[in-house]
Protein backbone atom coordinates (compact mmCIF):
# COMPACT_ATOMS: atom_id res chain seq x y z
CA UNK A 1 0.00 0.00 0.00
CA UNK A 2 1.53 3.34 -1.09
CA UNK A 3 1.93 6.14 1.43
CA UNK A 4 0.13 9.45 0.78
CA UNK A 5 2.49 11.88 -0.87
CA UNK A 6 2.27 14.30 2.12
CA UNK A 7 3.77 11.68 4.48
CA UNK A 8 6.48 10.62 2.03
CA UNK A 9 7.55 14.20 1.25
CA UNK A 10 7.27 15.33 4.89
CA UNK A 11 9.65 12.59 6.04
CA UNK A 12 12.13 13.54 3.29
CA UNK A 13 12.02 17.24 4.26
CA UNK A 14 13.18 16.46 7.81
CA UNK A 15 16.50 15.44 6.28
CA UNK A 16 18.36 18.41 4.83
CA UNK A 17 20.47 18.47 1.71
CA UNK A 18 24.19 17.99 2.04
CA UNK A 19 24.83 21.68 1.50
CA UNK A 20 22.61 22.65 4.47
CA UNK A 21 23.05 20.39 7.49
CA UNK A 22 21.68 23.11 9.81
CA UNK A 23 18.11 21.93 9.24
CA UNK A 24 18.90 18.36 10.31
CA UNK A 25 20.71 19.66 13.38
CA UNK A 26 17.78 21.94 14.27
CA UNK A 27 15.40 19.01 13.92
CA UNK A 28 17.48 17.03 16.43
CA UNK A 29 17.63 20.01 18.79
CA UNK A 30 13.84 20.40 18.57
CA UNK A 31 13.31 16.72 19.42
CA UNK A 32 15.78 16.98 22.35
CA UNK A 33 13.97 20.06 23.66
CA UNK A 34 10.58 18.34 23.58
CA UNK A 35 12.12 15.22 25.16
CA UNK A 36 13.61 17.17 28.08
CA UNK A 37 10.36 19.05 28.61
CA UNK A 38 8.31 15.85 28.72
CA UNK A 39 10.84 14.08 31.00
CA UNK A 40 10.91 17.04 33.41
CA UNK A 41 7.12 17.15 33.52
CA UNK A 42 6.80 13.40 34.12
CA UNK A 43 9.37 13.58 36.94
CA UNK A 44 7.85 16.62 38.62
CA UNK A 45 4.22 15.48 38.38
CA UNK A 46 5.18 11.98 39.62
CA UNK A 47 6.94 13.41 42.68
CA UNK A 48 4.14 15.90 43.44
CA UNK A 49 1.52 13.14 43.21
CA UNK A 50 3.67 10.87 45.38
CA UNK A 51 4.02 13.51 48.10
CA UNK A 52 0.30 14.26 48.02
CA UNK A 53 -0.62 10.59 48.42
CA UNK A 54 2.00 10.13 51.15
CA UNK A 55 0.54 13.04 53.15
CA UNK A 56 -2.96 11.72 52.50
CA UNK A 57 -2.03 8.25 53.78
CA UNK A 58 -0.47 9.68 56.94
CA UNK A 59 -3.47 11.88 57.65
CA UNK A 60 -5.91 8.99 57.14
CA UNK A 61 -3.70 6.78 59.29
CA UNK A 62 -4.24 9.06 62.29
CA UNK A 63 -7.64 10.65 61.76
CA UNK A 64 -10.94 9.06 60.79
CA UNK A 65 -12.50 9.34 57.34
CA UNK A 66 -15.59 11.07 58.77
CA UNK A 67 -16.32 12.85 62.06
CA UNK A 68 -19.93 13.12 63.29
CA UNK A 69 -20.81 15.86 65.81
CA UNK A 70 -23.94 17.34 67.34
CA UNK A 71 -24.84 20.67 65.67
CA UNK A 72 -26.56 22.08 68.75
CA UNK A 73 -24.25 21.02 71.58
CA UNK A 74 -20.54 20.53 72.17
CA UNK A 75 -21.14 16.99 73.42
CA UNK A 76 -23.22 14.07 72.18
CA UNK A 77 -25.61 12.07 74.37
CA UNK A 78 -26.90 8.56 73.62
CA UNK A 79 -23.77 8.07 71.57
CA UNK A 80 -23.91 4.27 71.57
CA UNK A 81 -27.30 4.41 69.88
CA UNK A 82 -25.94 6.85 67.31
CA UNK A 83 -22.91 4.59 66.68
CA UNK A 84 -25.30 1.72 65.88
CA UNK A 85 -27.27 3.93 63.47
CA UNK A 86 -24.09 5.14 61.72
CA UNK A 87 -22.87 1.55 61.37
CA UNK A 88 -25.98 0.67 59.34
CA UNK A 89 -25.28 3.31 56.67
CA UNK A 90 -24.04 1.70 53.41
CA UNK A 91 -20.25 1.78 52.87
CA UNK A 92 -19.53 2.45 56.58
CA UNK A 93 -16.91 -0.06 57.77
CA UNK A 94 -16.67 0.87 61.47
CA UNK A 95 -17.57 3.63 63.94
CA UNK A 96 -16.44 4.53 67.45
CA UNK A 97 -17.04 7.41 69.91
CA UNK A 98 -14.25 9.84 70.84
CA UNK A 99 -13.51 12.82 73.08
CA UNK A 100 -11.45 15.79 71.89
CA UNK A 101 -9.99 18.38 74.28
CA UNK A 102 -7.05 20.76 74.56
CA UNK A 103 -4.92 20.27 77.67
CA UNK A 104 -1.48 21.01 79.08
CA UNK A 105 1.05 18.25 79.77
CA UNK A 106 3.72 18.88 82.40
CA UNK A 107 6.74 16.79 83.32
CA UNK A 108 9.97 17.47 85.20
CA UNK A 109 11.59 18.25 81.83
CA UNK A 110 9.02 20.42 80.08
CA UNK A 111 5.53 21.75 79.47
CA UNK A 112 3.52 21.32 76.25
CA UNK A 113 0.02 22.23 75.12
CA UNK A 114 -1.55 19.35 73.16
CA UNK A 115 -4.75 17.77 71.87
CA UNK A 116 -5.94 14.96 74.14
CA UNK A 117 -8.23 12.35 72.61
CA UNK A 118 -10.31 9.95 74.59
CA UNK A 119 -10.81 6.68 72.66
CA UNK A 120 -12.31 3.23 73.06
CA UNK A 121 -9.25 0.93 72.77
CA UNK A 122 -11.40 -2.01 71.66
CA UNK A 123 -12.85 -0.16 68.65
CA UNK A 124 -10.24 2.48 67.72
CA UNK A 125 -8.11 0.00 65.79
CA UNK A 126 -10.99 -0.68 63.38
CA UNK A 127 -11.37 3.02 62.52
CA UNK A 128 -7.81 4.46 62.42
CA UNK A 129 -4.28 3.11 62.01
CA UNK A 130 -3.25 4.06 65.56
CA UNK A 131 -2.64 0.42 66.53
CA UNK A 132 -0.28 -0.02 63.56
CA UNK A 133 1.51 3.27 64.30
CA UNK A 134 2.44 2.24 67.84
CA UNK A 135 6.19 1.77 68.28
CA UNK A 136 5.83 0.87 71.95
CA UNK A 137 2.94 -0.66 73.91
CA UNK A 138 -0.55 -1.45 72.60
CA UNK A 139 -4.03 0.03 72.77
CA UNK A 140 -5.25 -2.43 75.39
CA UNK A 141 -2.83 -0.89 77.89
CA UNK A 142 -5.14 2.14 78.09
CA UNK A 143 -7.88 -0.06 79.56
CA UNK A 144 -5.82 -0.91 82.66
CA UNK A 145 -4.45 1.23 85.45
CA UNK A 146 -0.75 1.04 86.30
CA UNK A 147 0.74 0.79 89.79
CA UNK A 148 3.29 3.54 90.47
CA UNK A 149 5.43 4.39 93.47
CA UNK A 150 4.54 7.73 95.07
CA UNK A 151 7.66 9.84 95.78
CA UNK A 152 8.22 10.33 99.47
CA UNK A 153 7.84 14.12 99.28
CA UNK A 154 4.38 13.68 97.66
CA UNK A 155 3.03 11.10 100.13
CA UNK A 156 0.43 12.03 102.68
CA UNK A 157 1.28 11.29 106.32
CA UNK A 158 0.75 7.58 106.95
CA UNK A 159 -0.52 7.29 103.40
CA UNK A 160 0.20 4.42 100.96
CA UNK A 161 3.50 4.41 99.07
CA UNK A 162 1.91 3.21 95.81
CA UNK A 163 -1.07 4.28 93.73
CA UNK A 164 -2.92 3.19 90.58
CA UNK A 165 -2.72 5.61 87.65
CA UNK A 166 -4.45 5.52 84.22
CA UNK A 167 -2.36 5.16 81.07
CA UNK A 168 -1.65 7.63 78.27
CA UNK A 169 -0.15 7.16 74.79
CA UNK A 170 2.02 9.95 73.41
CA UNK A 171 3.44 10.85 70.02
CA UNK A 172 7.15 10.13 69.69
CA UNK A 173 8.10 13.79 69.20
CA UNK A 174 5.92 14.83 72.14
CA UNK A 175 7.61 12.22 74.33
CA UNK A 176 11.04 13.59 73.44
CA UNK A 177 9.96 17.18 74.10
CA UNK A 178 8.66 16.32 77.55
CA UNK A 179 11.52 13.94 78.32
CA UNK A 180 9.18 11.10 79.31
CA UNK A 181 9.16 7.50 78.11
CA UNK A 182 7.08 4.36 78.75
CA UNK A 183 6.77 3.82 82.51
CA UNK A 184 7.26 7.51 83.38
CA UNK A 185 4.52 9.68 84.85
CA UNK A 186 3.32 13.12 83.81
CA UNK A 187 0.57 15.54 84.76
CA UNK A 188 -2.41 16.38 82.55
CA UNK A 189 -3.78 19.85 83.28
CA UNK A 190 -7.26 20.78 82.11
CA UNK A 191 -8.05 24.52 82.02
CA UNK A 192 -11.65 23.71 82.91
CA UNK A 193 -11.91 22.59 86.51
CA UNK A 194 -14.06 23.07 89.60
CA UNK A 195 -15.20 26.61 90.44
CA UNK A 196 -14.03 27.79 93.86
CA UNK A 197 -15.36 31.19 94.92
CA UNK A 198 -15.07 33.61 92.03
CA UNK A 199 -12.41 31.69 90.11
CA UNK A 200 -11.97 28.39 88.29
CA UNK A 201 -9.26 26.01 89.46
CA UNK A 202 -7.47 23.96 86.77
CA UNK A 203 -7.92 20.22 87.12
CA UNK A 204 -4.73 18.16 87.36
CA UNK A 205 -4.36 14.40 87.14
CA UNK A 206 -1.33 12.14 86.89
CA UNK A 207 -1.02 9.59 84.06
CA UNK A 208 1.53 6.91 83.21
CA UNK A 209 3.02 6.69 79.72
CA UNK A 210 2.10 3.22 78.44
CA UNK A 211 2.92 3.62 74.74
CA UNK A 212 4.36 5.76 71.96
CA UNK A 213 3.15 6.18 68.38
CA UNK A 214 4.73 7.55 65.22
CA UNK A 215 2.37 8.52 62.40
CA UNK A 216 4.96 10.01 60.06
CA UNK A 217 3.41 13.50 60.41
CA UNK A 218 5.36 15.79 62.72
CA UNK A 219 2.23 17.83 63.52
CA UNK A 220 0.51 14.74 64.90
CA UNK A 221 3.51 13.17 66.62
CA UNK A 222 4.27 16.39 68.52
CA UNK A 223 0.75 17.42 69.56
CA UNK A 224 -1.43 14.34 70.09
CA UNK A 225 -2.00 12.05 73.06
CA UNK A 226 -4.59 9.34 73.78
CA UNK A 227 -6.32 8.13 76.94
CA UNK A 228 -9.17 5.69 77.56
CA UNK A 229 -12.68 7.03 76.83
CA UNK A 230 -14.03 6.46 80.35
CA UNK A 231 -11.01 8.17 81.92
CA UNK A 232 -11.55 11.15 79.62
CA UNK A 233 -15.22 11.38 80.59
CA UNK A 234 -14.29 11.43 84.28
CA UNK A 235 -11.39 13.84 83.86
CA UNK A 236 -13.42 16.38 81.87
CA UNK A 237 -16.61 15.86 83.92
CA UNK A 238 -18.53 14.89 80.79
CA UNK A 239 -20.66 12.20 82.37
CA UNK A 240 -22.12 9.82 79.76
CA UNK A 241 -21.38 12.06 76.78
CA UNK A 242 -18.67 12.26 74.09
CA UNK A 243 -17.45 14.85 71.59
CA UNK A 244 -18.52 12.85 68.55
CA UNK A 245 -18.19 9.69 66.48
CA UNK A 246 -15.29 8.62 64.25
CA UNK A 247 -16.25 6.73 61.09
CA UNK A 248 -14.27 4.62 58.63
CA UNK A 249 -15.64 4.07 55.11
CA UNK A 250 -14.86 1.52 52.42
CA UNK A 251 -13.75 4.04 49.79
CA UNK A 252 -12.00 7.17 51.10
CA UNK A 253 -12.80 9.07 47.90
CA UNK A 254 -16.53 8.55 48.48
CA UNK A 255 -16.34 9.84 52.05
CA UNK A 256 -18.20 13.04 51.12
CA UNK A 257 -21.19 11.08 49.75
CA UNK A 258 -21.21 8.78 52.78
CA UNK A 259 -21.09 11.83 55.11
CA UNK A 260 -24.21 13.24 53.44
CA UNK A 261 -25.91 9.84 53.79
CA UNK A 262 -25.05 9.77 57.51
CA UNK A 263 -26.56 13.24 58.01
CA UNK A 264 -29.77 12.15 56.28
CA UNK A 265 -29.91 8.96 58.37
CA UNK A 266 -29.29 10.66 61.74
CA UNK A 267 -31.27 13.83 61.09
CA UNK A 268 -30.56 17.55 60.99
CA UNK A 269 -29.24 17.62 64.58
CA UNK A 270 -26.02 15.91 63.49
CA UNK A 271 -23.18 17.20 61.33
CA UNK A 272 -20.84 14.88 59.40
CA UNK A 273 -17.51 16.16 57.99
CA UNK A 274 -15.31 14.07 55.70
CA UNK A 275 -11.50 14.07 55.72
CA UNK A 276 -11.24 16.14 52.51
CA UNK A 277 -13.42 18.85 54.01
CA UNK A 278 -11.44 18.92 57.27
CA UNK A 279 -8.11 19.16 55.40
CA UNK A 280 -9.40 21.27 52.50
CA UNK A 281 -6.74 23.99 52.83
CA UNK A 282 -3.82 21.52 52.79
CA UNK A 283 -5.01 19.52 49.78
CA UNK A 284 -6.04 22.68 47.90
CA UNK A 285 -2.52 24.02 48.40
CA UNK A 286 -0.97 20.75 47.17
CA UNK A 287 -3.24 20.72 44.11
CA UNK A 288 -2.43 24.36 43.32
CA UNK A 289 1.30 23.69 43.70
CA UNK A 290 1.12 20.71 41.34
CA UNK A 291 -0.82 22.75 38.76
CA UNK A 292 1.60 25.68 38.91
CA UNK A 293 4.63 23.38 38.59
CA UNK A 294 3.01 21.78 35.55
CA UNK A 295 2.37 25.14 33.92
CA UNK A 296 5.88 26.40 34.65
CA UNK A 297 7.54 23.30 33.22
CA UNK A 298 5.33 23.42 30.13
CA UNK A 299 7.39 26.51 29.30
CA UNK A 300 10.29 24.16 28.48
CA UNK A 301 8.15 22.56 25.78
CA UNK A 302 6.98 25.97 24.55
CA UNK A 303 10.59 27.14 24.23
CA UNK A 304 11.39 23.99 22.25
CA UNK A 305 8.42 24.72 19.99
CA UNK A 306 10.03 27.99 18.87
CA UNK A 307 12.87 25.88 17.56
CA UNK A 308 10.30 23.91 15.55
CA UNK A 309 9.04 27.19 14.04
CA UNK A 310 12.54 28.21 13.00
CA UNK A 311 13.33 24.74 11.61
CA UNK A 312 10.18 24.59 9.50
CA UNK A 313 10.68 28.17 8.31
CA UNK A 314 14.16 27.21 7.11
CA UNK A 315 12.73 24.13 5.37
CA UNK A 316 10.11 26.26 3.61
CA UNK A 317 12.80 28.70 2.46
CA UNK A 318 15.04 25.89 1.19
CA UNK A 319 12.24 23.94 -0.47
CA UNK A 320 10.55 26.81 -2.32
CA UNK A 321 11.36 25.29 -5.73
CA UNK A 322 10.03 21.86 -4.74
CA UNK A 323 6.87 23.40 -3.24
CA UNK A 324 6.28 25.35 -6.46
CA UNK A 325 6.69 22.18 -8.57
CA UNK A 326 4.25 20.30 -6.31
CA UNK A 327 1.67 23.08 -6.72
CA UNK A 328 2.24 23.10 -10.50
CA UNK A 329 1.59 19.33 -10.52
CA UNK A 330 -1.75 19.83 -8.73
CA UNK A 331 -0.95 19.76 -5.02
CA UNK A 332 -3.53 21.75 -3.04
CA UNK A 333 -2.82 24.36 -0.34
CA UNK A 334 -4.18 21.94 2.29
CA UNK A 335 -1.86 19.22 0.98
CA UNK A 336 1.18 21.53 1.28
CA UNK A 337 0.10 22.50 4.83
CA UNK A 338 -0.24 18.84 5.79
CA UNK A 339 3.37 18.19 4.69
CA UNK A 340 4.78 20.70 7.17
CA UNK A 341 2.25 19.96 9.91
CA UNK A 342 3.38 16.36 9.67
CA UNK A 343 6.96 17.49 10.33
CA UNK A 344 5.91 19.17 13.60
CA UNK A 345 3.86 16.15 14.67
CA UNK A 346 6.81 13.83 14.03
CA UNK A 347 9.05 16.03 16.18
CA UNK A 348 6.42 16.23 18.96
CA UNK A 349 5.62 12.51 18.92
CA UNK A 350 9.32 11.59 18.86
CA UNK A 351 10.05 13.88 21.82
CA UNK A 352 7.08 12.48 23.77
CA UNK A 353 7.99 8.86 22.95
CA UNK A 354 11.55 9.37 24.22
CA UNK A 355 10.66 11.74 27.06
CA UNK A 356 8.12 9.50 28.83
CA UNK A 357 10.52 6.55 29.44
CA UNK A 358 13.29 9.05 30.24
CA UNK A 359 11.05 10.59 32.91
CA UNK A 360 10.33 7.14 34.36
CA UNK A 361 14.08 6.39 34.38
CA UNK A 362 14.72 9.67 36.23
CA UNK A 363 12.15 8.77 38.89
CA UNK A 364 13.62 5.26 39.24
CA UNK A 365 17.07 6.73 39.83
CA UNK A 366 15.70 9.10 42.47
CA UNK A 367 13.89 6.33 44.33
CA UNK A 368 16.81 3.91 44.12
CA UNK A 369 19.78 6.11 44.95
CA UNK A 370 18.41 9.17 46.78
CA UNK A 371 17.72 8.21 50.39
CA UNK A 372 17.11 10.24 53.56
CA UNK A 373 17.54 9.78 57.28
CA UNK A 374 13.96 9.02 58.44
CA UNK A 375 14.68 10.33 61.94
CA UNK A 376 15.23 13.78 60.43
CA UNK A 377 13.00 13.94 57.34
CA UNK A 378 10.25 11.45 58.32
CA UNK A 379 10.75 9.69 54.97
CA UNK A 380 13.50 7.35 53.80
CA UNK A 381 12.83 7.83 50.06
CA UNK A 382 11.09 10.40 47.91
CA UNK A 383 7.52 9.14 47.35
CA UNK A 384 6.73 8.73 43.66
CA UNK A 385 3.51 7.81 41.87
CA UNK A 386 2.91 8.46 38.17
CA UNK A 387 -0.75 8.43 37.14
CA UNK A 388 -1.69 7.28 33.65
CA UNK A 389 -3.85 10.39 33.22
CA UNK A 390 -0.84 12.59 34.00
CA UNK A 391 1.30 10.77 31.39
CA UNK A 392 -1.41 11.29 28.76
CA UNK A 393 -1.75 14.96 29.72
CA UNK A 394 2.01 15.57 29.52
CA UNK A 395 2.50 13.71 26.23
CA UNK A 396 -0.65 15.23 24.76
CA UNK A 397 0.37 18.78 25.69
CA UNK A 398 3.79 18.27 24.08
CA UNK A 399 2.23 17.02 20.84
CA UNK A 400 -0.38 19.80 20.76
CA UNK A 401 2.27 22.49 21.34
CA UNK A 402 4.46 20.96 18.62
CA UNK A 403 1.50 20.91 16.24
CA UNK A 404 0.62 24.54 17.05
CA UNK A 405 4.20 25.53 16.21
CA UNK A 406 3.70 24.27 12.64
CA UNK A 407 0.78 26.54 11.80
CA UNK A 408 2.71 29.66 10.77
CA UNK A 409 5.36 27.91 8.59
CA UNK A 410 2.64 25.72 7.02
CA UNK A 411 0.55 28.76 6.08
CA UNK A 412 3.62 30.45 4.57
CA UNK A 413 4.32 27.36 2.47
CA UNK A 414 0.68 27.11 1.36
CA UNK A 415 0.66 30.79 0.26
CA UNK A 416 3.75 30.35 -1.95
CA UNK A 417 3.14 31.46 -5.54
CA UNK A 418 4.56 28.82 -7.99
CA UNK A 419 5.20 31.43 -10.70
CA UNK A 420 7.23 33.64 -8.38
CA UNK A 421 9.23 30.71 -7.02
CA UNK A 422 10.11 29.35 -10.49
CA UNK A 423 10.67 32.73 -12.15
CA UNK A 424 14.46 32.52 -12.02
CA UNK A 425 14.80 28.74 -12.37
């Protein structure tokens, strides 16, 4: 089967005559420019997507997919009944009550304001990844009190020398800040305590560190601590109430739809927020950063496209006689345009075909040979994930830009007057 004359002639025009090797060199430079632009885009988008998914996994490992609260009050009554109702909503995997309060932790080595969460150790592991993030101890330790020796200076006269204290689980960074480790005791200070006279006295209680967790997010590891739900209710004088309900769903990307279903099932009095809504600012910033990096690196491809314009313009100038002969033989203006548009498409497709595997090779080198100290950077390797849609977008943009660069030279070739070109031949 014979090739259309536009394809045959277009392929020949990419190779210059012996007396003018500049065109062949410019063609190679154009392909290299497109290749580098595509490879840089693949590498950057893959790393940005990897970091976004890494942050997402760490957030979902510590917090629930959905939080359910009472719209009218700060606390929720009859929470066990509400947990049962939430559990019947389609796509809900597990649900558990929780308490959320800001407190102050004090130890002989430091003072730190943190978020204290009261949890049900038996059900928390089904909703979050806290059990898997523990590097010391286990969740069941929160359900038991620990015997500690009371220092002599703190003992009451003729009082016992030991006491039973509830357990607390700290983030690794928080533990290091306070200088406490498993088996050590610390004080939890609540700003809301009993009212004496005209003032409010802070409530203080001693806890024993029974475990440490490391989520991979510094913000969580340095500002979160967990105690047993019943101990939290007693410490904060909440009675038989909780702050809300944590929910885990089957598909994290359908959490918004499930949250709306939970609100409809429980009624207007309850408010359900999904993880994307609670972390909207962070993920919006990551998405904006990825978009801006994509647009900035597309400039590399645009710069390479100017080289395509110059190359095709030189080809049109050199091939004026041949173009005139083709028109005299019956070639149409559209046929002449297709010849030079084909040249730009070949350059764009060649650059994309080479650039995509080059970008993958770049990411493989980064993951294989570029390592970090996880104790400092919280990651041992740069997270990378290349989406198929991103590859198509990058390659497609390179080809479209290359094609757009052919429009001006193609129009100039199509406008060429055969009589004027052959006048002096």
